[in-house]
Amino acid sequence: MPIRILLLEDVPTDAELVEDELRQAGLTFLTRRVTTQEAFVRELREFRPDVVLSDHNLPQFDGRAALQLAKQIAPTVPFILITGSLSEETAVEYMKTGAADYVLKDRLARLGPAVLGALEERRVREEKERAETARQQAEEALRRNQEFLRQVIDANPNLIFVKDWDGRFTMVNRA
């Protein structure tokens, strides 16, 4: 199944370079390239990308605003910044606010591994979340079953008790 990539890039030749690099990395993908905030929001909702690749500077819209919107609309989708120039402080700021990675345009060979790494991190995170949800559901089912068993035992008019190996009572019904 191809990776769905939303590409926020205003320079067509830069977009071609990004796609060429992804092909060289052996990725199978579908891209939707957008240049405006409106198109970006629409494609986040409709295209439902697996990953967002975003330029830092665009004429009417920038990577910071794109990251903020992506985190609101599609919080689990990895966001990778692609830029020609970026200070270390700006890169750290992006990472602190939720970017999965950043790639400099003169080092696009990192792009394929960055995309694969971000997708793997997302898969692991979602797997952990599913396991945690299953654990919580199992605990809730156990609690309900224990409560039901307690009600059944308490409703019995006969004396019911349980002792541990040391002879201590661990459960006694109301009778």
C-alpha atoms as a PDB file:
ATOM      1  CA  MET A   1       0.000   0.000   0.000  1.00  0.00           C
ATOM      2  CA  PRO A   2       1.522   3.345  -0.959  1.00  0.00           C
ATOM      3  CA  ILE A   3       2.412   5.916   1.678  1.00  0.00           C
ATOM      4  CA  ARG A   4       0.122   8.966   1.441  1.00  0.00           C
ATOM      5  CA  ILE A   5       2.289  12.086   1.627  1.00  0.00           C
ATOM      6  CA  LEU A   6       0.983  15.616   1.962  1.00  0.00           C
ATOM      7  CA  LEU A   7       3.662  17.964   0.640  1.00  0.00           C
ATOM      8  CA  LEU A   8       3.497  21.645   1.514  1.00  0.00           C
ATOM      9  CA  GLU A   9       5.928  23.155  -1.003  1.00  0.00           C
ATOM     10  CA  ASP A  10       5.544  26.242  -3.180  1.00  0.00           C
ATOM     11  CA  VAL A  11       8.484  25.579  -5.540  1.00  0.00           C
ATOM     12  CA  PRO A  12       7.607  22.885  -8.119  1.00  0.00           C
ATOM     13  CA  THR A  13      11.239  21.916  -8.739  1.00  0.00           C
ATOM     14  CA  ASP A  14      11.807  21.415  -5.004  1.00  0.00           C
ATOM     15  CA  ALA A  15       8.713  19.199  -4.897  1.00  0.00           C
ATOM     16  CA  GLU A  16      10.135  17.151  -7.786  1.00  0.00           C
ATOM     17  CA  LEU A  17      13.441  16.779  -5.941  1.00  0.00           C
ATOM     18  CA  VAL A  18      11.612  15.552  -2.847  1.00  0.00           C
ATOM     19  CA  GLU A  19       9.650  12.992  -4.859  1.00  0.00           C
ATOM     20  CA  ASP A  20      12.794  11.856  -6.705  1.00  0.00           C
ATOM     21  CA  GLU A  21      14.579  11.334  -3.399  1.00  0.00           C
ATOM     22  CA  LEU A  22      11.669   9.324  -2.006  1.00  0.00           C
ATOM     23  CA  ARG A  23      11.714   7.116  -5.133  1.00  0.00           C
ATOM     24  CA  GLN A  24      15.484   6.631  -4.782  1.00  0.00           C
ATOM     25  CA  ALA A  25      14.870   5.529  -1.195  1.00  0.00           C
ATOM     26  CA  GLY A  26      12.585   2.808  -2.582  1.00  0.00           C
ATOM     27  CA  LEU A  27       9.341   4.200  -1.189  1.00  0.00           C
ATOM     28  CA  THR A  28       6.001   3.662  -2.894  1.00  0.00           C
ATOM     29  CA  PHE A  29       3.881   6.738  -2.311  1.00  0.00           C
ATOM     30  CA  LEU A  30       1.117   9.075  -3.426  1.00  0.00           C
ATOM     31  CA  THR A  31       1.653  12.792  -2.948  1.00  0.00           C
ATOM     32  CA  ARG A  32      -0.643  15.751  -2.827  1.00  0.00           C
ATOM     33  CA  ARG A  33       1.243  19.016  -3.135  1.00  0.00           C
ATOM     34  CA  VAL A  34      -0.344  22.137  -1.691  1.00  0.00           C
ATOM     35  CA  THR A  35       0.807  25.734  -1.358  1.00  0.00           C
ATOM     36  CA  THR A  36      -1.914  27.431   0.700  1.00  0.00           C
ATOM     37  CA  GLN A  37      -3.345  27.076   4.174  1.00  0.00           C
ATOM     38  CA  GLU A  38      -6.819  26.334   2.815  1.00  0.00           C
ATOM     39  CA  ALA A  39      -5.558  23.520   0.591  1.00  0.00           C
ATOM     40  CA  PHE A  40      -3.396  22.167   3.413  1.00  0.00           C
ATOM     41  CA  VAL A  41      -6.342  21.949   5.826  1.00  0.00           C
ATOM     42  CA  ARG A  42      -8.584  20.414   3.151  1.00  0.00           C
ATOM     43  CA  GLU A  43      -6.042  17.729   2.260  1.00  0.00           C
ATOM     44  CA  LEU A  44      -5.339  16.907   5.916  1.00  0.00           C
ATOM     45  CA  ARG A  45      -9.024  16.081   6.263  1.00  0.00           C
ATOM     46  CA  GLU A  46      -9.779  14.549   2.861  1.00  0.00           C
ATOM     47  CA  PHE A  47      -6.519  12.909   1.729  1.00  0.00           C
ATOM     48  CA  ARG A  48      -5.711  11.737   5.287  1.00  0.00           C
ATOM     49  CA  PRO A  49      -1.946  11.558   4.793  1.00  0.00           C
ATOM     50  CA  ASP A  50       0.357   9.103   6.517  1.00  0.00           C
ATOM     51  CA  VAL A  51       3.021  11.805   6.757  1.00  0.00           C
ATOM     52  CA  VAL A  52       3.297  15.561   6.169  1.00  0.00           C
ATOM     53  CA  LEU A  53       6.389  17.060   4.539  1.00  0.00           C
ATOM     54  CA  SER A  54       6.500  20.822   4.833  1.00  0.00           C
ATOM     55  CA  ASP A  55       8.741  23.614   3.669  1.00  0.00           C
ATOM     56  CA  HIS A  56       9.625  26.174   6.328  1.00  0.00           C
ATOM     57  CA  ASN A  57       9.076  29.350   4.279  1.00  0.00           C
ATOM     58  CA  LEU A  58       6.175  29.875   1.908  1.00  0.00           C
ATOM     59  CA  PRO A  59       4.867  33.223   0.669  1.00  0.00           C
ATOM     60  CA  GLN A  60       1.519  33.167   2.502  1.00  0.00           C
ATOM     61  CA  PHE A  61       1.851  30.251   4.899  1.00  0.00           C
ATOM     62  CA  ASP A  62       4.761  28.831   6.860  1.00  0.00           C
ATOM     63  CA  GLY A  63       5.860  25.587   8.437  1.00  0.00           C
ATOM     64  CA  ARG A  64       5.117  26.725  11.992  1.00  0.00           C
ATOM     65  CA  ALA A  65       1.482  27.412  11.179  1.00  0.00           C
ATOM     66  CA  ALA A  66       1.283  24.148   9.206  1.00  0.00           C
ATOM     67  CA  LEU A  67       2.657  22.173  12.162  1.00  0.00           C
ATOM     68  CA  GLN A  68       0.162  23.778  14.521  1.00  0.00           C
ATOM     69  CA  LEU A  69      -2.745  22.976  12.174  1.00  0.00           C
ATOM     70  CA  ALA A  70      -1.515  19.433  11.589  1.00  0.00           C
ATOM     71  CA  LYS A  71      -1.339  18.797  15.345  1.00  0.00           C
ATOM     72  CA  GLN A  72      -4.910  20.055  15.746  1.00  0.00           C
ATOM     73  CA  ILE A  73      -6.456  18.240  12.771  1.00  0.00           C
ATOM     74  CA  ALA A  74      -4.331  15.083  12.503  1.00  0.00           C
ATOM     75  CA  PRO A  75      -2.332  14.800  15.733  1.00  0.00           C
ATOM     76  CA  THR A  76      -0.913  11.329  15.053  1.00  0.00           C
ATOM     77  CA  VAL A  77       0.396  12.135  11.565  1.00  0.00           C
ATOM     78  CA  PRO A  78       4.177  12.644  11.575  1.00  0.00           C
ATOM     79  CA  PHE A  79       5.295  16.097  10.429  1.00  0.00           C
ATOM     80  CA  ILE A  80       8.725  16.455   8.812  1.00  0.00           C
ATOM     81  CA  LEU A  81      10.127  19.857   8.033  1.00  0.00           C
ATOM     82  CA  ILE A  82      12.113  20.245   4.801  1.00  0.00           C
ATOM     83  CA  THR A  83      13.996  23.488   4.447  1.00  0.00           C
ATOM     84  CA  GLY A  84      16.881  25.139   2.671  1.00  0.00           C
ATOM     85  CA  SER A  85      18.153  26.955   5.716  1.00  0.00           C
ATOM     86  CA  LEU A  86      17.294  26.525   9.336  1.00  0.00           C
ATOM     87  CA  SER A  87      19.037  27.644  12.484  1.00  0.00           C
ATOM     88  CA  GLU A  88      19.603  25.128  15.225  1.00  0.00           C
ATOM     89  CA  GLU A  89      17.273  27.097  17.514  1.00  0.00           C
ATOM     90  CA  THR A  90      14.472  26.988  14.948  1.00  0.00           C
ATOM     91  CA  ALA A  91      14.964  23.249  14.402  1.00  0.00           C
ATOM     92  CA  VAL A  92      14.786  22.645  18.161  1.00  0.00           C
ATOM     93  CA  GLU A  93      11.636  24.777  18.345  1.00  0.00           C
ATOM     94  CA  TYR A  94       9.986  22.661  15.634  1.00  0.00           C
ATOM     95  CA  MET A  95      10.942  19.436  17.391  1.00  0.00           C
ATOM     96  CA  LYS A  96       9.656  20.700  20.751  1.00  0.00           C
ATOM     97  CA  THR A  97       6.322  21.647  19.202  1.00  0.00           C
ATOM     98  CA  GLY A  98       5.789  18.224  17.677  1.00  0.00           C
ATOM     99  CA  ALA A  99       7.744  17.819  14.445  1.00  0.00           C
ATOM    100  CA  ALA A 100       8.983  14.257  13.958  1.00  0.00           C
ATOM    101  CA  ASP A 101      12.146  15.379  12.158  1.00  0.00           C
ATOM    102  CA  TYR A 102      13.665  17.976   9.872  1.00  0.00           C
ATOM    103  CA  VAL A 103      15.705  17.566   6.695  1.00  0.00           C
ATOM    104  CA  LEU A 104      17.821  20.194   5.002  1.00  0.00           C
ATOM    105  CA  LYS A 105      17.240  20.486   1.262  1.00  0.00           C
ATOM    106  CA  ASP A 106      20.940  20.070   0.566  1.00  0.00           C
ATOM    107  CA  ARG A 107      20.830  16.752   2.483  1.00  0.00           C
ATOM    108  CA  LEU A 108      17.732  15.165   0.966  1.00  0.00           C
ATOM    109  CA  ALA A 109      19.310  11.704   1.144  1.00  0.00           C
ATOM    110  CA  ARG A 110      18.097  11.724   4.782  1.00  0.00           C
ATOM    111  CA  LEU A 111      14.478  12.092   3.662  1.00  0.00           C
ATOM    112  CA  GLY A 112      13.667   8.436   2.965  1.00  0.00           C
ATOM    113  CA  PRO A 113      15.045   7.215   6.303  1.00  0.00           C
ATOM    114  CA  ALA A 114      13.366  10.152   8.080  1.00  0.00           C
ATOM    115  CA  VAL A 115       9.960   9.240   6.599  1.00  0.00           C
ATOM    116  CA  LEU A 116      10.381   5.548   7.406  1.00  0.00           C
ATOM    117  CA  GLY A 117      11.560   6.359  10.932  1.00  0.00           C
ATOM    118  CA  ALA A 118       8.636   8.681  11.588  1.00  0.00           C
ATOM    119  CA  LEU A 119       6.149   6.116  10.298  1.00  0.00           C
ATOM    120  CA  GLU A 120       7.709   3.399  12.461  1.00  0.00           C
ATOM    121  CA  GLU A 121       7.535   5.649  15.538  1.00  0.00           C
ATOM    122  CA  ARG A 122       3.864   6.292  14.800  1.00  0.00           C
ATOM    123  CA  ARG A 123       3.192   2.551  14.391  1.00  0.00           C
ATOM    124  CA  VAL A 124       4.898   1.742  17.702  1.00  0.00           C
ATOM    125  CA  ARG A 125       3.088   4.569  19.511  1.00  0.00           C
ATOM    126  CA  GLU A 126      -0.298   3.446  18.149  1.00  0.00           C
ATOM    127  CA  GLU A 127       0.466  -0.168  19.075  1.00  0.00           C
ATOM    128  CA  LYS A 128       1.288   0.909  22.636  1.00  0.00           C
ATOM    129  CA  GLU A 129      -1.924   2.939  22.809  1.00  0.00           C
ATOM    130  CA  ARG A 130      -3.960  -0.056  21.603  1.00  0.00           C
ATOM    131  CA  ALA A 131      -2.276  -2.297  24.185  1.00  0.00           C
ATOM    132  CA  GLU A 132      -2.966   0.242  26.948  1.00  0.00           C
ATOM    133  CA  THR A 133      -6.613   0.515  25.883  1.00  0.00           C
ATOM    134  CA  ALA A 134      -6.937  -3.287  25.879  1.00  0.00           C
ATOM    135  CA  ARG A 135      -5.343  -3.429  29.342  1.00  0.00           C
ATOM    136  CA  GLN A 136      -7.736  -0.807  30.693  1.00  0.00           C
ATOM    137  CA  GLN A 137     -10.726  -2.647  29.184  1.00  0.00           C
ATOM    138  CA  ALA A 138      -9.547  -5.943  30.717  1.00  0.00           C
ATOM    139  CA  GLU A 139      -9.142  -4.302  34.126  1.00  0.00           C
ATOM    140  CA  GLU A 140     -12.628  -2.810  33.887  1.00  0.00           C
ATOM    141  CA  ALA A 141     -14.114  -6.193  32.886  1.00  0.00           C
ATOM    142  CA  LEU A 142     -12.310  -7.854  35.804  1.00  0.00           C
ATOM    143  CA  ARG A 143     -13.605  -5.200  38.212  1.00  0.00           C
ATOM    144  CA  ARG A 144     -17.196  -5.698  36.950  1.00  0.00           C
ATOM    145  CA  ASN A 145     -16.874  -9.493  37.243  1.00  0.00           C
ATOM    146  CA  GLN A 146     -15.490  -9.223  40.776  1.00  0.00           C
ATOM    147  CA  GLU A 147     -18.336  -6.878  41.729  1.00  0.00           C
ATOM    148  CA  PHE A 148     -20.910  -9.262  40.241  1.00  0.00           C
ATOM    149  CA  LEU A 149     -19.366 -12.253  42.043  1.00  0.00           C
ATOM    150  CA  ARG A 150     -19.381 -10.310  45.315  1.00  0.00           C
ATOM    151  CA  GLN A 151     -23.098  -9.483  44.855  1.00  0.00           C
ATOM    152  CA  VAL A 152     -23.918 -13.139  44.139  1.00  0.00           C
ATOM    153  CA  ILE A 153     -21.980 -14.326  47.198  1.00  0.00           C
ATOM    154  CA  ASP A 154     -23.524 -11.673  49.460  1.00  0.00           C
ATOM    155  CA  ALA A 155     -27.028 -12.560  48.245  1.00  0.00           C
ATOM    156  CA  ASN A 156     -26.611 -16.184  49.384  1.00  0.00           C
ATOM    157  CA  PRO A 157     -28.265 -16.734  52.801  1.00  0.00           C
ATOM    158  CA  ASN A 158     -25.678 -19.374  53.742  1.00  0.00           C
ATOM    159  CA  LEU A 159     -22.301 -18.575  55.222  1.00  0.00           C
ATOM    160  CA  ILE A 160     -19.634 -18.452  52.527  1.00  0.00           C
ATOM    161  CA  PHE A 161     -16.004 -17.743  53.333  1.00  0.00           C
ATOM    162  CA  VAL A 162     -12.548 -18.150  51.885  1.00  0.00           C
ATOM    163  CA  LYS A 163      -9.348 -18.627  53.888  1.00  0.00           C
ATOM    164  CA  ASP A 164      -5.755 -18.406  52.712  1.00  0.00           C
ATOM    165  CA  TRP A 165      -3.160 -21.119  53.412  1.00  0.00           C
ATOM    166  CA  ASP A 166      -2.335 -19.528  56.753  1.00  0.00           C
ATOM    167  CA  GLY A 167      -5.958 -19.776  57.922  1.00  0.00           C
ATOM    168  CA  ARG A 168      -6.747 -16.072  57.553  1.00  0.00           C
ATOM    169  CA  PHE A 169     -10.150 -15.092  56.212  1.00  0.00           C
ATOM    170  CA  THR A 170      -9.807 -13.377  52.807  1.00  0.00           C
ATOM    171  CA  MET A 171     -13.522 -13.198  52.025  1.00  0.00           C
ATOM    172  CA  VAL A 172     -16.743 -13.594  53.983  1.00  0.00           C
ATOM    173  CA  ASN A 173     -20.289 -12.965  52.746  1.00  0.00           C
ATOM    174  CA  ARG A 174     -22.895 -10.988  54.703  1.00  0.00           C
ATOM    175  CA  ALA A 175     -24.516 -14.117  56.150  1.00  0.00           C
END
